[in-house]
Amino acid sequence: MKLQALTAGDIADRLKGRCDGDPTVVLSGVGGVRDAQAHELAFVSQSRYASDASETRAGALLVGHDWSHPSPAVLIRVDKPEVAFGEIARWFAGPEIDYPPGIHPSAVISPEATVGEGVHIGPFCVVEAGASIGAGSILVGQVSIGRGARIGEHCRFYPQVSLREYVVIGDRVILHNGVVIGSDGFGYDVSPEGIRTKQPQIGIVIIGDDVEIGANSTVDRARYGKTRIGKRVKIDNLVQIAHNVWIQDDAVIVAQVGISGSTIVQKKAILAGQVGVAGHLIIGAGAIIGAQSGVSKDVAPGAYMFGTPAVPHKEFASDLANLRRLELLKNRVAALEARLGS
């Protein structure tokens, strides 16, 4: 049920937090710390946003218990401001859009497909022979499910998602607009004359439970065997995952990442935006690869890498600092040469 308004004190009580300031301030929505208005709640969790907090027009701010910076807003102190903010946003937004069970008349469902109880299949969807859709799953519209593909329970696929043949999807998987799962991997034999002949791509893709994949991302089928996405993996928009890649449980792949074939991304690793990873590598468990890095070698578990080619972050920072000193060094050398010349 959507809530129309809450006081700052009510919100603090619901979150088991503490209200610093007027607990009677009425809040009816949420916003960013820079653009929220007097009737809205915002959050800050890092000191680098202290200046924004001091100038905010928000009626209240969610902050951590150790927040020590001034703000004109009422402060609601909680353990995890960002998590709490997401919960409050759901209170004010109300329930998600309802997709009642049923099949739209324009959908094309093979008589050889299996559709579970409570499934919603929206306009212009196609479900081919041998495919199965688990109970409670939602195909919002214009979704294509290939021959023999298997979809778990309570999944949600947004418009123009395409699952190719024999793909296997776990439970509670969310695929956003334009996701393509199981297209052919990029593989060719090259003749001495430089002519490329397509290698058969006869493997499949297996995606675990509770995975979310952002808009226009792609996961290629294996050349043979499996391309695997583990449980609870979160993949952002515009990501390319090549054939036979294995992304293990709880890894995070941010926008515009490209991962070449047969690479393994181990558990809880994070690849930040626009990272490129060469093929047949291992990214160790818990490793972090900074934005726009190029990875050409294996990465140790827990490492923090940056740059192209990617190196440990401290080494990258040192190299960058030295690079910025080159102008000063050049001027000093020029001055010494002038003195010697004279």
Foldseek 3Di string as FASTA:
>chain_A
DADQKDFQLVLLVVQVWDKADDRRQIAGAADDLQDAALNYEYEDEDPVCLVSQQPGRYQEYEYAPPDDGDHPHIYTHHHDRVVSVVVVNCNNVDDDDDQWADADPQEAEDPQEAEEAGEGHDHHEYADHLEYAEHQEYEHYCEYHEHNEYEYHNEYEYHQEYEYHNAYYEYHEYEYAQEYEAAAFDDWDQDPVGDTDDQAQPAYEYEYEQEYAEHNEYAHAASHYYAYHEYNEYHYPQEYHGHLEYEYPQEYEYHQEYEDENEYEYAPEYEYANEYEDYPEYAAHCEYEDHNEYDDHHHYHNFYWYHYPTDGPVVVVVVVVVVVCVVVVVVVVVVVVVVVVD
